[in-house]
N, C-alpha and C. Protein backbone atom coordinates (compact mmCIF):
# COMPACT_ATOMS: atom_id res chain seq x y z
N VAL A 1 -16.85 41.81 -50.33
CA VAL A 1 -17.24 41.12 -49.07
C VAL A 1 -18.50 40.26 -49.45
N LEU A 2 -18.39 39.04 -48.98
CA LEU A 2 -19.51 38.06 -49.19
C LEU A 2 -20.06 37.66 -47.85
N GLN A 3 -21.32 37.58 -47.72
CA GLN A 3 -22.07 37.19 -46.52
C GLN A 3 -22.69 35.89 -46.84
N ALA A 4 -22.54 34.97 -45.82
CA ALA A 4 -23.13 33.69 -45.96
C ALA A 4 -24.35 33.57 -45.05
N GLU A 5 -25.30 32.73 -45.28
CA GLU A 5 -26.55 32.56 -44.61
C GLU A 5 -26.34 31.91 -43.18
N ASN A 6 -25.32 31.05 -43.16
CA ASN A 6 -24.98 30.34 -41.84
C ASN A 6 -23.50 29.99 -41.77
N ILE A 7 -23.08 29.51 -40.65
CA ILE A 7 -21.72 29.20 -40.42
C ILE A 7 -21.15 28.11 -41.35
N HIS A 8 -21.92 27.25 -41.66
CA HIS A 8 -21.46 26.00 -42.45
C HIS A 8 -21.17 26.50 -43.95
N LYS A 9 -22.11 27.31 -44.37
CA LYS A 9 -21.98 27.85 -45.78
C LYS A 9 -20.69 28.78 -45.80
N ALA A 10 -20.49 29.58 -44.72
CA ALA A 10 -19.30 30.47 -44.68
C ALA A 10 -18.03 29.66 -44.70
N LYS A 11 -18.02 28.56 -43.86
CA LYS A 11 -16.80 27.76 -43.80
C LYS A 11 -16.62 26.99 -45.11
N TYR A 12 -17.74 26.62 -45.71
CA TYR A 12 -17.63 25.91 -47.05
C TYR A 12 -17.02 26.81 -48.10
N ILE A 13 -17.39 28.05 -48.09
CA ILE A 13 -16.83 29.15 -49.12
C ILE A 13 -15.33 29.36 -48.80
N VAL A 14 -14.90 29.48 -47.55
CA VAL A 14 -13.63 29.60 -47.18
C VAL A 14 -12.73 28.41 -47.58
N TYR A 15 -13.15 27.24 -47.15
CA TYR A 15 -12.43 26.02 -47.45
C TYR A 15 -12.29 25.70 -48.93
N THR A 16 -13.33 25.91 -49.65
CA THR A 16 -13.31 25.71 -51.14
C THR A 16 -12.47 26.77 -51.87
N ASN A 17 -12.41 27.89 -51.36
CA ASN A 17 -11.69 28.93 -51.99
C ASN A 17 -10.17 28.86 -51.80
N LEU A 18 -9.75 27.99 -50.92
CA LEU A 18 -8.32 27.92 -50.68
C LEU A 18 -7.44 27.65 -51.88
N ASN A 19 -8.00 27.03 -52.96
CA ASN A 19 -7.20 26.75 -54.24
C ASN A 19 -7.16 28.04 -55.05
N ARG A 20 -7.81 29.13 -54.65
CA ARG A 20 -7.74 30.36 -55.30
C ARG A 20 -8.33 30.44 -56.74
N SER A 21 -9.20 29.49 -57.07
CA SER A 21 -9.64 29.38 -58.48
C SER A 21 -10.61 30.52 -58.76
N GLY A 22 -11.36 31.02 -57.64
CA GLY A 22 -12.35 32.03 -57.85
C GLY A 22 -13.69 31.59 -58.19
N ASN A 23 -13.83 30.26 -58.61
CA ASN A 23 -15.06 29.70 -58.97
C ASN A 23 -15.46 28.72 -57.94
N ILE A 24 -16.61 28.93 -57.22
CA ILE A 24 -17.06 27.93 -56.31
C ILE A 24 -18.48 27.51 -56.60
N ILE A 25 -18.64 26.20 -56.52
CA ILE A 25 -19.96 25.61 -56.73
C ILE A 25 -20.35 25.20 -55.40
N ILE A 26 -21.48 25.83 -54.98
CA ILE A 26 -22.07 25.64 -53.63
C ILE A 26 -23.32 24.63 -53.75
N PRO A 27 -23.29 23.52 -53.08
CA PRO A 27 -24.47 22.64 -53.13
C PRO A 27 -25.71 23.37 -52.68
N LYS A 28 -26.83 23.01 -53.13
CA LYS A 28 -28.17 23.55 -52.84
C LYS A 28 -28.62 23.06 -51.47
N SER A 29 -28.17 21.80 -51.17
CA SER A 29 -28.63 21.19 -49.99
C SER A 29 -27.87 21.60 -48.77
N GLU A 30 -28.45 22.15 -47.72
CA GLU A 30 -27.71 22.54 -46.51
C GLU A 30 -27.06 21.27 -45.88
N TYR A 31 -27.71 20.07 -45.97
CA TYR A 31 -27.12 18.89 -45.43
C TYR A 31 -25.90 18.52 -46.16
N GLU A 32 -25.74 18.68 -47.46
CA GLU A 32 -24.53 18.48 -48.16
C GLU A 32 -23.41 19.46 -47.75
N ILE A 33 -23.77 20.65 -47.57
CA ILE A 33 -22.70 21.70 -47.11
C ILE A 33 -22.22 21.34 -45.77
N LYS A 34 -23.17 21.09 -44.84
CA LYS A 34 -22.74 20.76 -43.44
C LYS A 34 -21.99 19.49 -43.38
N THR A 35 -22.38 18.44 -44.13
CA THR A 35 -21.62 17.20 -44.17
C THR A 35 -20.23 17.39 -44.71
N ALA A 36 -20.02 18.13 -45.87
CA ALA A 36 -18.75 18.38 -46.40
C ALA A 36 -17.87 19.12 -45.50
N VAL A 37 -18.35 20.14 -44.79
CA VAL A 37 -17.58 20.92 -43.85
C VAL A 37 -17.12 20.06 -42.73
N GLU A 38 -18.03 19.29 -42.19
CA GLU A 38 -17.68 18.41 -40.95
C GLU A 38 -16.73 17.36 -41.41
N ASN A 39 -16.83 16.83 -42.61
CA ASN A 39 -15.88 15.84 -43.05
C ASN A 39 -14.49 16.45 -43.17
N TYR A 40 -14.45 17.63 -43.80
CA TYR A 40 -13.18 18.30 -44.00
C TYR A 40 -12.52 18.61 -42.84
N GLU A 41 -13.23 19.10 -41.74
CA GLU A 41 -12.74 19.47 -40.48
C GLU A 41 -12.26 18.19 -39.76
N LYS A 42 -12.95 17.11 -39.84
CA LYS A 42 -12.47 15.84 -39.34
C LYS A 42 -11.16 15.43 -39.87
N TYR A 43 -11.05 15.60 -41.21
CA TYR A 43 -9.82 15.19 -41.95
C TYR A 43 -8.61 16.12 -41.41
N LEU A 44 -8.94 17.38 -41.30
CA LEU A 44 -7.87 18.23 -40.81
C LEU A 44 -7.41 17.98 -39.37
N ASP A 45 -8.33 17.61 -38.62
CA ASP A 45 -8.15 17.31 -37.12
C ASP A 45 -7.21 16.03 -37.10
N TRP A 46 -7.56 15.07 -37.96
CA TRP A 46 -6.81 13.88 -38.07
C TRP A 46 -5.33 14.12 -38.37
N ILE A 47 -5.23 15.08 -39.43
CA ILE A 47 -3.89 15.52 -39.86
C ILE A 47 -3.08 16.04 -38.66
N LEU A 48 -3.74 17.03 -37.97
CA LEU A 48 -3.09 17.68 -36.89
C LEU A 48 -2.70 16.70 -35.81
N LEU A 49 -3.55 15.80 -35.47
CA LEU A 49 -3.13 14.76 -34.44
C LEU A 49 -2.00 14.01 -34.88
N ASP A 50 -2.00 13.53 -36.18
CA ASP A 50 -0.89 12.71 -36.73
C ASP A 50 0.38 13.55 -36.71
N ILE A 51 0.41 14.73 -37.02
CA ILE A 51 1.51 15.58 -36.99
C ILE A 51 2.12 15.75 -35.60
N GLU A 52 1.14 16.06 -34.70
CA GLU A 52 1.63 16.15 -33.32
C GLU A 52 2.18 14.89 -32.69
N GLU A 53 1.69 13.74 -33.11
CA GLU A 53 2.13 12.46 -32.51
C GLU A 53 3.54 12.23 -33.09
N GLU A 54 3.71 12.55 -34.41
CA GLU A 54 5.05 12.33 -34.94
C GLU A 54 6.10 13.34 -34.31
N LEU A 55 5.60 14.57 -34.04
CA LEU A 55 6.62 15.52 -33.44
C LEU A 55 6.91 15.16 -32.04
N LYS A 56 6.02 14.59 -31.32
CA LYS A 56 6.17 14.15 -29.94
C LYS A 56 7.19 13.00 -29.93
N GLN A 57 7.06 12.15 -30.93
CA GLN A 57 7.97 10.98 -30.99
C GLN A 57 9.43 11.43 -31.38
N LYS A 58 9.50 12.34 -32.40
CA LYS A 58 10.75 12.68 -32.91
C LYS A 58 11.50 13.76 -32.03
N LEU A 59 10.64 14.63 -31.48
CA LEU A 59 11.14 15.73 -30.67
C LEU A 59 10.45 15.83 -29.26
N PRO A 60 10.72 14.82 -28.45
CA PRO A 60 9.92 14.73 -27.18
C PRO A 60 9.99 15.91 -26.26
N ASP A 61 11.08 16.74 -26.40
CA ASP A 61 11.24 17.87 -25.51
C ASP A 61 10.65 19.18 -26.15
N SER A 62 10.08 19.02 -27.27
CA SER A 62 9.55 20.25 -27.87
C SER A 62 8.31 20.83 -27.19
N ARG A 63 8.36 22.13 -27.06
CA ARG A 63 7.28 22.82 -26.42
C ARG A 63 6.24 23.54 -27.25
N ASN A 64 6.64 23.85 -28.45
CA ASN A 64 5.77 24.70 -29.30
C ASN A 64 5.13 23.80 -30.44
N LEU A 65 4.55 22.72 -30.06
CA LEU A 65 3.87 21.79 -31.00
C LEU A 65 2.77 22.59 -31.70
N HIS A 66 2.02 23.39 -31.01
CA HIS A 66 0.90 24.10 -31.56
C HIS A 66 1.40 25.12 -32.61
N SER A 67 2.41 25.87 -32.30
CA SER A 67 2.87 26.79 -33.32
C SER A 67 3.63 26.11 -34.50
N VAL A 68 4.18 24.97 -34.23
CA VAL A 68 4.82 24.24 -35.35
C VAL A 68 3.66 23.67 -36.30
N THR A 69 2.62 23.13 -35.73
CA THR A 69 1.58 22.58 -36.63
C THR A 69 0.88 23.72 -37.25
N ASN A 70 0.74 24.90 -36.68
CA ASN A 70 0.13 26.06 -37.40
C ASN A 70 1.03 26.49 -38.54
N GLU A 71 2.30 26.39 -38.29
CA GLU A 71 3.23 26.75 -39.47
C GLU A 71 3.14 25.73 -40.56
N ILE A 72 3.07 24.50 -40.27
CA ILE A 72 2.94 23.48 -41.29
C ILE A 72 1.62 23.72 -42.08
N PHE A 73 0.50 23.94 -41.39
CA PHE A 73 -0.70 24.16 -42.06
C PHE A 73 -0.67 25.40 -43.03
N LEU A 74 0.02 26.44 -42.53
CA LEU A 74 0.26 27.73 -43.25
C LEU A 74 1.03 27.41 -44.54
N LYS A 75 2.05 26.56 -44.46
CA LYS A 75 2.87 26.29 -45.60
C LYS A 75 2.08 25.39 -46.58
N LEU A 76 1.18 24.57 -46.10
CA LEU A 76 0.35 23.77 -46.90
C LEU A 76 -0.88 24.47 -47.43
N ASN A 77 -1.10 25.63 -47.10
CA ASN A 77 -2.30 26.39 -47.35
C ASN A 77 -3.61 25.72 -46.84
N LEU A 78 -3.52 25.25 -45.64
CA LEU A 78 -4.64 24.60 -45.07
C LEU A 78 -5.20 25.51 -43.92
N VAL A 79 -6.49 25.61 -43.77
CA VAL A 79 -7.09 26.43 -42.77
C VAL A 79 -8.14 25.50 -41.96
N ARG A 80 -8.19 25.78 -40.68
CA ARG A 80 -9.12 25.05 -39.84
C ARG A 80 -9.84 26.09 -38.94
N TYR A 81 -11.05 26.31 -39.10
CA TYR A 81 -11.76 27.23 -38.25
C TYR A 81 -12.63 26.52 -37.27
């Protein structure tokens, strides 16, 4: 079990550990950590919106867009907290 000093550092550790390498280099600057996490989350949000727009166009009667996008993220090993 690993405890982080703040939410941004915790998210940074989770997001960078997704590749399962076991080695994580954490920046010393809190600003760099926060910026990296925010940029990554913006990128994931953009991907989600793009997927949802495509699904709405291709499957206009689809009701489970949220569960479909969750499944896509799971298959791609992507996490958004």
